[in-house]
Amino acid sequence: NNIRVSTEIMNAQRLEAMQQLLLQQQGKTIVEFKAGKLNKSGATVTADPRRGTLSIMESAADGMTRIQWKTRPGGQMETDIVVVPNDATVEKVPECKSGRVFLIRMRSSNRMLFFWMQEPKEEKDDELIEKMKTAFATSRSGA
């Protein structure tokens, strides 16, 4: 019985060590906040009802800036995009009156990613958008 408990503890410690290693390999989080994503179909944008987390990261492997969206809870990654230096822009979508929507646009491909703020404090929206703008303006092409 003691051996079984000891094995379970060792397995839990190994799992925790692997998770820490993965976090280190991911790199540095520049900005991260609660956000849902929206799906675009033609001229219509519809909210995905799931909760999520949007992260702007600097990859440890190559130094490149990445946009990542994960479900919350669970952390299932659904979006992981490398940002080409000086290619991404971010802006509020003033046409949306029923939510706090913003758009990340890739200039080179005209790809558009729509998200909606899920942070409880609306007064933080501008600060988060400014942090994203700074991250995109200073993104690197890699090591």
N, C-alpha and C. Protein backbone atom coordinates (compact mmCIF):
# COMPACT_ATOMS: atom_id res chain seq x y z
N ASN A 1 0.82 -1.20 0.00
CA ASN A 1 0.00 0.00 0.00
C ASN A 1 0.86 1.26 0.00
N ASN A 2 1.94 1.25 0.83
CA ASN A 2 2.86 2.39 0.86
C ASN A 2 3.59 2.56 -0.46
N ILE A 3 3.90 1.43 -1.10
CA ILE A 3 4.60 1.49 -2.39
C ILE A 3 3.69 2.13 -3.43
N ARG A 4 2.40 1.79 -3.41
CA ARG A 4 1.45 2.36 -4.36
C ARG A 4 1.33 3.87 -4.17
N VAL A 5 1.22 4.34 -2.94
CA VAL A 5 1.14 5.77 -2.64
C VAL A 5 2.41 6.47 -3.10
N SER A 6 3.56 5.85 -2.81
CA SER A 6 4.85 6.42 -3.19
C SER A 6 4.95 6.55 -4.72
N THR A 7 4.49 5.54 -5.45
CA THR A 7 4.51 5.57 -6.92
C THR A 7 3.60 6.68 -7.45
N GLU A 8 2.44 6.84 -6.84
CA GLU A 8 1.51 7.89 -7.26
C GLU A 8 2.12 9.28 -7.03
N ILE A 9 2.82 9.44 -5.92
CA ILE A 9 3.48 10.72 -5.62
C ILE A 9 4.58 10.99 -6.64
N MET A 10 5.37 9.97 -6.97
CA MET A 10 6.44 10.14 -7.97
C MET A 10 5.86 10.49 -9.33
N ASN A 11 4.77 9.83 -9.71
CA ASN A 11 4.13 10.13 -10.99
C ASN A 11 3.61 11.56 -11.01
N ALA A 12 3.02 12.02 -9.92
CA ALA A 12 2.52 13.39 -9.84
C ALA A 12 3.68 14.38 -9.93
N GLN A 13 4.81 14.06 -9.29
CA GLN A 13 5.98 14.94 -9.35
C GLN A 13 6.55 14.99 -10.76
N ARG A 14 6.57 13.85 -11.44
CA ARG A 14 7.06 13.83 -12.83
C ARG A 14 6.16 14.67 -13.74
N LEU A 15 4.86 14.52 -13.54
CA LEU A 15 3.90 15.28 -14.34
C LEU A 15 4.09 16.78 -14.12
N GLU A 16 4.25 17.18 -12.86
CA GLU A 16 4.46 18.59 -12.55
C GLU A 16 5.75 19.10 -13.18
N ALA A 17 6.81 18.30 -13.15
CA ALA A 17 8.09 18.69 -13.74
C ALA A 17 7.95 18.84 -15.26
N MET A 18 7.20 17.93 -15.89
CA MET A 18 6.99 18.02 -17.34
C MET A 18 6.19 19.27 -17.70
N GLN A 19 5.19 19.58 -16.89
CA GLN A 19 4.39 20.78 -17.15
C GLN A 19 5.25 22.03 -17.02
N GLN A 20 6.12 22.09 -16.02
CA GLN A 20 7.01 23.24 -15.85
C GLN A 20 7.95 23.37 -17.04
N LEU A 21 8.48 22.24 -17.54
CA LEU A 21 9.36 22.27 -18.70
C LEU A 21 8.63 22.80 -19.92
N LEU A 22 7.40 22.35 -20.13
CA LEU A 22 6.61 22.84 -21.25
C LEU A 22 6.37 24.35 -21.14
N LEU A 23 6.08 24.83 -19.94
CA LEU A 23 5.88 26.27 -19.75
C LEU A 23 7.14 27.05 -20.07
N GLN A 24 8.30 26.52 -19.68
CA GLN A 24 9.56 27.20 -19.97
C GLN A 24 9.82 27.23 -21.47
N GLN A 25 9.47 26.16 -22.18
CA GLN A 25 9.70 26.10 -23.61
C GLN A 25 8.75 27.02 -24.37
N GLN A 26 7.58 27.29 -23.80
CA GLN A 26 6.63 28.18 -24.46
C GLN A 26 7.19 29.57 -24.62
N GLY A 27 7.92 30.04 -23.65
CA GLY A 27 8.48 31.37 -23.73
C GLY A 27 7.83 32.33 -22.77
N LYS A 28 7.98 33.61 -23.09
CA LYS A 28 7.53 34.67 -22.21
C LYS A 28 6.15 35.17 -22.63
N THR A 29 5.25 35.29 -21.66
CA THR A 29 3.93 35.86 -21.92
C THR A 29 4.06 37.38 -21.90
N ILE A 30 3.68 38.01 -22.99
CA ILE A 30 3.73 39.48 -23.08
C ILE A 30 2.45 40.07 -22.52
N VAL A 31 1.32 39.52 -22.93
CA VAL A 31 0.03 39.94 -22.40
C VAL A 31 -0.92 38.74 -22.49
N GLU A 32 -1.76 38.58 -21.47
CA GLU A 32 -2.70 37.47 -21.45
C GLU A 32 -3.96 37.93 -20.71
N PHE A 33 -5.12 37.58 -21.27
CA PHE A 33 -6.37 37.97 -20.64
C PHE A 33 -7.50 37.09 -21.14
N LYS A 34 -8.62 37.17 -20.44
CA LYS A 34 -9.81 36.39 -20.78
C LYS A 34 -10.47 37.01 -22.00
N ALA A 35 -10.66 36.16 -23.02
CA ALA A 35 -11.30 36.64 -24.25
C ALA A 35 -11.94 35.48 -24.98
N GLY A 36 -13.09 35.75 -25.58
CA GLY A 36 -13.72 34.77 -26.44
C GLY A 36 -13.36 35.08 -27.87
N LYS A 37 -13.62 34.13 -28.76
CA LYS A 37 -13.35 34.42 -30.16
C LYS A 37 -14.65 34.51 -30.92
N LEU A 38 -14.60 35.14 -32.05
CA LEU A 38 -15.75 35.27 -32.92
C LEU A 38 -15.43 34.61 -34.24
N ASN A 39 -16.44 34.07 -34.88
CA ASN A 39 -16.26 33.40 -36.16
C ASN A 39 -16.86 34.27 -37.26
N LYS A 40 -16.09 34.45 -38.33
CA LYS A 40 -16.52 35.30 -39.44
C LYS A 40 -17.01 34.42 -40.58
N SER A 41 -18.19 34.73 -41.07
CA SER A 41 -18.76 34.05 -42.22
C SER A 41 -19.34 35.11 -43.14
N GLY A 42 -18.66 35.37 -44.24
CA GLY A 42 -19.07 36.45 -45.13
C GLY A 42 -18.87 37.78 -44.42
N ALA A 43 -19.95 38.57 -44.34
CA ALA A 43 -19.87 39.87 -43.67
C ALA A 43 -20.36 39.80 -42.23
N THR A 44 -20.71 38.59 -41.77
CA THR A 44 -21.26 38.41 -40.43
C THR A 44 -20.23 37.82 -39.49
N VAL A 45 -20.18 38.37 -38.28
CA VAL A 45 -19.29 37.87 -37.23
C VAL A 45 -20.18 37.41 -36.08
N THR A 46 -19.99 36.16 -35.65
CA THR A 46 -20.82 35.56 -34.60
C THR A 46 -19.94 35.10 -33.45
N ALA A 47 -20.37 35.38 -32.24
CA ALA A 47 -19.60 35.01 -31.05
C ALA A 47 -19.63 33.51 -30.81
N ASP A 48 -18.47 32.95 -30.53
CA ASP A 48 -18.35 31.58 -30.04
C ASP A 48 -18.67 31.67 -28.55
N PRO A 49 -19.62 30.92 -28.02
CA PRO A 49 -20.04 31.09 -26.62
C PRO A 49 -19.03 30.60 -25.58
N ARG A 50 -18.00 29.90 -26.01
CA ARG A 50 -17.04 29.35 -25.04
C ARG A 50 -16.18 30.43 -24.42
N ARG A 51 -15.74 30.14 -23.19
CA ARG A 51 -14.80 31.04 -22.52
C ARG A 51 -13.39 30.69 -23.00
N GLY A 52 -12.52 31.71 -23.03
CA GLY A 52 -11.16 31.45 -23.49
C GLY A 52 -10.15 32.41 -22.91
N THR A 53 -8.90 32.17 -23.27
CA THR A 53 -7.79 33.02 -22.87
C THR A 53 -6.98 33.35 -24.12
N LEU A 54 -6.73 34.63 -24.33
CA LEU A 54 -5.89 35.07 -25.44
C LEU A 54 -4.53 35.45 -24.87
N SER A 55 -3.48 34.93 -25.49
CA SER A 55 -2.12 35.21 -25.05
C SER A 55 -1.30 35.71 -26.23
N ILE A 56 -0.49 36.71 -25.97
CA ILE A 56 0.53 37.13 -26.92
C ILE A 56 1.84 36.72 -26.27
N MET A 57 2.56 35.83 -26.93
CA MET A 57 3.75 35.21 -26.36
C MET A 57 4.98 35.53 -27.19
N GLU A 58 6.14 35.47 -26.52
CA GLU A 58 7.42 35.45 -27.23
C GLU A 58 7.95 34.04 -27.08
N SER A 59 8.06 33.33 -28.19
CA SER A 59 8.48 31.94 -28.18
C SER A 59 9.91 31.79 -27.68
N ALA A 60 10.12 30.84 -26.77
CA ALA A 60 11.47 30.57 -26.26
C ALA A 60 12.34 29.94 -27.34
N ALA A 61 11.74 29.17 -28.22
CA ALA A 61 12.50 28.44 -29.22
C ALA A 61 13.10 29.35 -30.29
N ASP A 62 12.32 30.32 -30.77
CA ASP A 62 12.79 31.14 -31.90
C ASP A 62 12.65 32.65 -31.68
N GLY A 63 12.11 33.07 -30.54
CA GLY A 63 11.97 34.49 -30.24
C GLY A 63 10.84 35.18 -30.98
N MET A 64 10.07 34.43 -31.75
CA MET A 64 9.00 35.03 -32.53
C MET A 64 7.77 35.28 -31.67
N THR A 65 7.01 36.29 -32.05
CA THR A 65 5.77 36.61 -31.35
C THR A 65 4.67 35.70 -31.88
N ARG A 66 3.85 35.19 -30.96
CA ARG A 66 2.76 34.29 -31.32
C ARG A 66 1.45 34.77 -30.70
N ILE A 67 0.36 34.54 -31.40
CA ILE A 67 -0.99 34.78 -30.90
C ILE A 67 -1.55 33.40 -30.58
N GLN A 68 -1.98 33.21 -29.33
CA GLN A 68 -2.53 31.92 -28.94
C GLN A 68 -3.88 32.12 -28.25
N TRP A 69 -4.86 31.29 -28.64
CA TRP A 69 -6.15 31.29 -27.96
C TRP A 69 -6.42 29.89 -27.48
N LYS A 70 -6.79 29.79 -26.18
CA LYS A 70 -7.07 28.50 -25.55
C LYS A 70 -8.44 28.56 -24.88
N THR A 71 -9.09 27.41 -24.83
CA THR A 71 -10.36 27.32 -24.12
C THR A 71 -10.10 27.41 -22.62
N ARG A 72 -11.11 27.83 -21.91
CA ARG A 72 -11.00 27.97 -20.46
C ARG A 72 -12.31 27.50 -19.85
N PRO A 73 -12.29 26.58 -18.90
CA PRO A 73 -11.12 25.86 -18.40
C PRO A 73 -10.70 24.78 -19.39
N GLY A 74 -9.60 24.15 -19.12
CA GLY A 74 -9.13 23.05 -19.95
C GLY A 74 -7.85 23.36 -20.70
N GLY A 75 -7.73 24.59 -21.19
CA GLY A 75 -6.50 25.00 -21.86
C GLY A 75 -6.26 24.35 -23.22
N GLN A 76 -7.33 23.93 -23.91
CA GLN A 76 -7.17 23.34 -25.24
C GLN A 76 -6.82 24.45 -26.24
N MET A 77 -5.60 24.39 -26.82
CA MET A 77 -5.17 25.41 -27.77
C MET A 77 -5.89 25.23 -29.10
N GLU A 78 -6.51 26.30 -29.57
CA GLU A 78 -7.21 26.26 -30.85
C GLU A 78 -6.60 27.20 -31.88
N THR A 79 -5.90 28.22 -31.40
CA THR A 79 -5.26 29.17 -32.30
C THR A 79 -3.82 29.34 -31.86
N ASP A 80 -2.90 29.21 -32.79
CA ASP A 80 -1.47 29.43 -32.53
C ASP A 80 -0.86 29.97 -33.81
N ILE A 81 -0.69 31.27 -33.87
CA ILE A 81 -0.24 31.94 -35.10
C ILE A 81 1.05 32.70 -34.84
N VAL A 82 2.02 32.50 -35.71
CA VAL A 82 3.27 33.26 -35.65
C VAL A 82 3.02 34.61 -36.31
N VAL A 83 3.45 35.67 -35.64
CA VAL A 83 3.27 37.03 -36.15
C VAL A 83 4.53 37.46 -36.89
N VAL A 84 4.38 37.79 -38.15
CA VAL A 84 5.49 38.34 -38.93
C VAL A 84 5.76 39.75 -38.40
N PRO A 85 7.04 40.14 -38.24
CA PRO A 85 7.33 41.48 -37.70
C PRO A 85 6.59 42.60 -38.46
N ASN A 86 5.98 43.49 -37.71
CA ASN A 86 5.25 44.66 -38.22
C ASN A 86 4.09 44.30 -39.15
N ASP A 87 3.55 43.09 -38.99
CA ASP A 87 2.46 42.66 -39.86
C ASP A 87 1.09 42.75 -39.18
N ALA A 88 1.04 42.61 -37.86
CA ALA A 88 -0.24 42.57 -37.16
C ALA A 88 -0.63 43.94 -36.62
N THR A 89 -1.92 44.22 -36.70
CA THR A 89 -2.49 45.42 -36.08
C THR A 89 -3.66 44.98 -35.20
N VAL A 90 -3.99 45.81 -34.24
CA VAL A 90 -5.14 45.51 -33.38
C VAL A 90 -5.95 46.78 -33.20
N GLU A 91 -7.27 46.62 -33.23
CA GLU A 91 -8.14 47.78 -33.09
C GLU A 91 -9.48 47.35 -32.51
N LYS A 92 -10.12 48.28 -31.83
CA LYS A 92 -11.49 48.04 -31.35
C LYS A 92 -12.42 48.05 -32.55
N VAL A 93 -13.55 47.36 -32.39
CA VAL A 93 -14.57 47.35 -33.44
C VAL A 93 -15.74 48.19 -32.93
N PRO A 94 -15.77 49.49 -33.29
CA PRO A 94 -16.81 50.37 -32.75
C PRO A 94 -18.21 50.04 -33.25
N GLU A 95 -18.30 49.33 -34.38
CA GLU A 95 -19.62 48.98 -34.93
C GLU A 95 -20.37 48.01 -34.02
N CYS A 96 -19.63 47.28 -33.19
CA CYS A 96 -20.27 46.32 -32.28
C CYS A 96 -20.71 47.06 -31.03
N LYS A 97 -22.01 47.20 -30.86
CA LYS A 97 -22.57 47.94 -29.71
C LYS A 97 -22.93 47.02 -28.55
N SER A 98 -22.97 45.70 -28.81
CA SER A 98 -23.44 44.77 -27.78
C SER A 98 -22.31 44.05 -27.05
N GLY A 99 -21.07 44.42 -27.33
CA GLY A 99 -19.95 43.74 -26.67
C GLY A 99 -18.67 44.52 -26.86
N ARG A 100 -17.62 44.00 -26.27
CA ARG A 100 -16.30 44.66 -26.32
C ARG A 100 -15.43 43.86 -27.29
N VAL A 101 -15.62 44.13 -28.57
CA VAL A 101 -14.99 43.36 -29.64
C VAL A 101 -13.76 44.09 -30.16
N PHE A 102 -12.71 43.30 -30.47
CA PHE A 102 -11.54 43.87 -31.13
C PHE A 102 -11.08 42.93 -32.23
N LEU A 103 -10.31 43.49 -33.14
CA LEU A 103 -9.86 42.79 -34.33
C LEU A 103 -8.34 42.80 -34.39
N ILE A 104 -7.76 41.63 -34.63
CA ILE A 104 -6.34 41.53 -34.95
C ILE A 104 -6.27 41.21 -36.43
N ARG A 105 -5.59 42.08 -37.18
CA ARG A 105 -5.51 41.93 -38.64
C ARG A 105 -4.06 41.73 -39.06
N MET A 106 -3.84 40.76 -39.94
CA MET A 106 -2.52 40.54 -40.52
C MET A 106 -2.49 41.27 -41.86
N ARG A 107 -1.62 42.24 -41.97
CA ARG A 107 -1.57 43.07 -43.19
C ARG A 107 -1.24 42.25 -44.43
N SER A 108 -0.23 41.37 -44.33
CA SER A 108 0.26 40.65 -45.51
C SER A 108 -0.79 39.71 -46.11
N SER A 109 -1.61 39.10 -45.28
CA SER A 109 -2.59 38.14 -45.77
C SER A 109 -4.03 38.64 -45.66
N ASN A 110 -4.21 39.77 -45.01
CA ASN A 110 -5.53 40.33 -44.71
C ASN A 110 -6.38 39.37 -43.86
N ARG A 111 -5.70 38.49 -43.13
CA ARG A 111 -6.39 37.59 -42.20
C ARG A 111 -6.92 38.41 -41.04
N MET A 112 -8.16 38.12 -40.63
CA MET A 112 -8.78 38.86 -39.54
C MET A 112 -9.20 37.89 -38.44
N LEU A 113 -8.78 38.21 -37.21
CA LEU A 113 -9.15 37.42 -36.03
C LEU A 113 -9.94 38.33 -35.11
N PHE A 114 -11.20 37.97 -34.86
CA PHE A 114 -12.06 38.77 -33.99
C PHE A 114 -12.15 38.10 -32.62
N PHE A 115 -12.08 38.92 -31.58
CA PHE A 115 -12.18 38.44 -30.20
C PHE A 115 -13.10 39.38 -29.42
N TRP A 116 -13.65 38.87 -28.32
CA TRP A 116 -14.46 39.71 -27.44
C TRP A 116 -13.93 39.56 -26.02
N MET A 117 -13.81 40.70 -25.39
CA MET A 117 -13.27 40.76 -24.03
C MET A 117 -14.18 40.02 -23.06
N GLN A 118 -13.57 39.19 -22.21
CA GLN A 118 -14.30 38.51 -21.16
C GLN A 118 -13.78 38.91 -19.78
N GLU A 119 -12.87 39.87 -19.76
CA GLU A 119 -12.39 40.40 -18.48
C GLU A 119 -13.52 41.19 -17.84
N PRO A 120 -13.66 41.10 -16.51
CA PRO A 120 -14.79 41.78 -15.86
C PRO A 120 -14.69 43.31 -15.88
N LYS A 121 -13.49 43.86 -15.92
CA LYS A 121 -13.33 45.32 -15.83
C LYS A 121 -13.09 45.93 -17.22
N GLU A 122 -14.12 46.58 -17.73
CA GLU A 122 -14.05 47.19 -19.06
C GLU A 122 -12.99 48.28 -19.13
N GLU A 123 -12.73 48.95 -18.01
CA GLU A 123 -11.75 50.05 -18.03
C GLU A 123 -10.33 49.57 -18.33
N LYS A 124 -10.08 48.26 -18.30
CA LYS A 124 -8.75 47.71 -18.63
C LYS A 124 -8.59 47.42 -20.12
N ASP A 125 -9.67 47.50 -20.89
CA ASP A 125 -9.62 47.14 -22.31
C ASP A 125 -8.56 47.92 -23.08
N ASP A 126 -8.54 49.24 -22.92
CA ASP A 126 -7.59 50.07 -23.67
C ASP A 126 -6.15 49.70 -23.33
N GLU A 127 -5.88 49.43 -22.06
CA GLU A 127 -4.54 49.05 -21.63
C GLU A 127 -4.11 47.72 -22.28
N LEU A 128 -5.02 46.76 -22.33
CA LEU A 128 -4.71 45.46 -22.94
C LEU A 128 -4.46 45.61 -24.44
N ILE A 129 -5.26 46.42 -25.10
CA ILE A 129 -5.08 46.65 -26.53
C ILE A 129 -3.75 47.34 -26.80
N GLU A 130 -3.38 48.31 -25.96
CA GLU A 130 -2.09 48.99 -26.12
C GLU A 130 -0.92 48.01 -25.94
N LYS A 131 -1.04 47.09 -24.99
CA LYS A 131 0.01 46.09 -24.79
C LYS A 131 0.16 45.20 -26.02
N MET A 132 -0.97 44.84 -26.65
CA MET A 132 -0.91 44.04 -27.87
C MET A 132 -0.26 44.84 -29.00
N LYS A 133 -0.64 46.10 -29.14
CA LYS A 133 -0.05 46.95 -30.19
C LYS A 133 1.46 47.03 -30.02
N THR A 134 1.91 47.22 -28.78
CA THR A 134 3.34 47.29 -28.51
C THR A 134 4.03 45.98 -28.86
N ALA A 135 3.42 44.87 -28.47
CA ALA A 135 4.00 43.55 -28.77
C ALA A 135 4.11 43.33 -30.28
N PHE A 136 3.11 43.71 -31.03
CA PHE A 136 3.15 43.52 -32.48
C PHE A 136 4.15 44.46 -33.14
N ALA A 137 4.29 45.67 -32.60
CA ALA A 137 5.23 46.65 -33.16
C ALA A 137 6.68 46.24 -32.90
N THR A 138 6.91 45.50 -31.84
CA THR A 138 8.28 45.12 -31.49
C THR A 138 8.55 43.64 -31.76
N SER A 139 7.64 42.95 -32.50
CA SER A 139 7.84 41.53 -32.77
C SER A 139 9.10 41.34 -33.60
N ARG A 140 9.74 40.19 -33.36
CA ARG A 140 11.00 39.89 -34.03
C ARG A 140 10.79 38.77 -35.04
N SER A 141 11.76 38.66 -35.94
CA SER A 141 11.69 37.62 -36.98
C SER A 141 12.26 36.30 -36.52
N GLY A 142 12.77 36.24 -35.30
CA GLY A 142 13.32 34.99 -34.79
C GLY A 142 14.78 35.14 -34.48
N ALA A 143 15.32 34.10 -33.84
CA ALA A 143 16.73 34.14 -33.42
C ALA A 143 17.66 33.80 -34.55
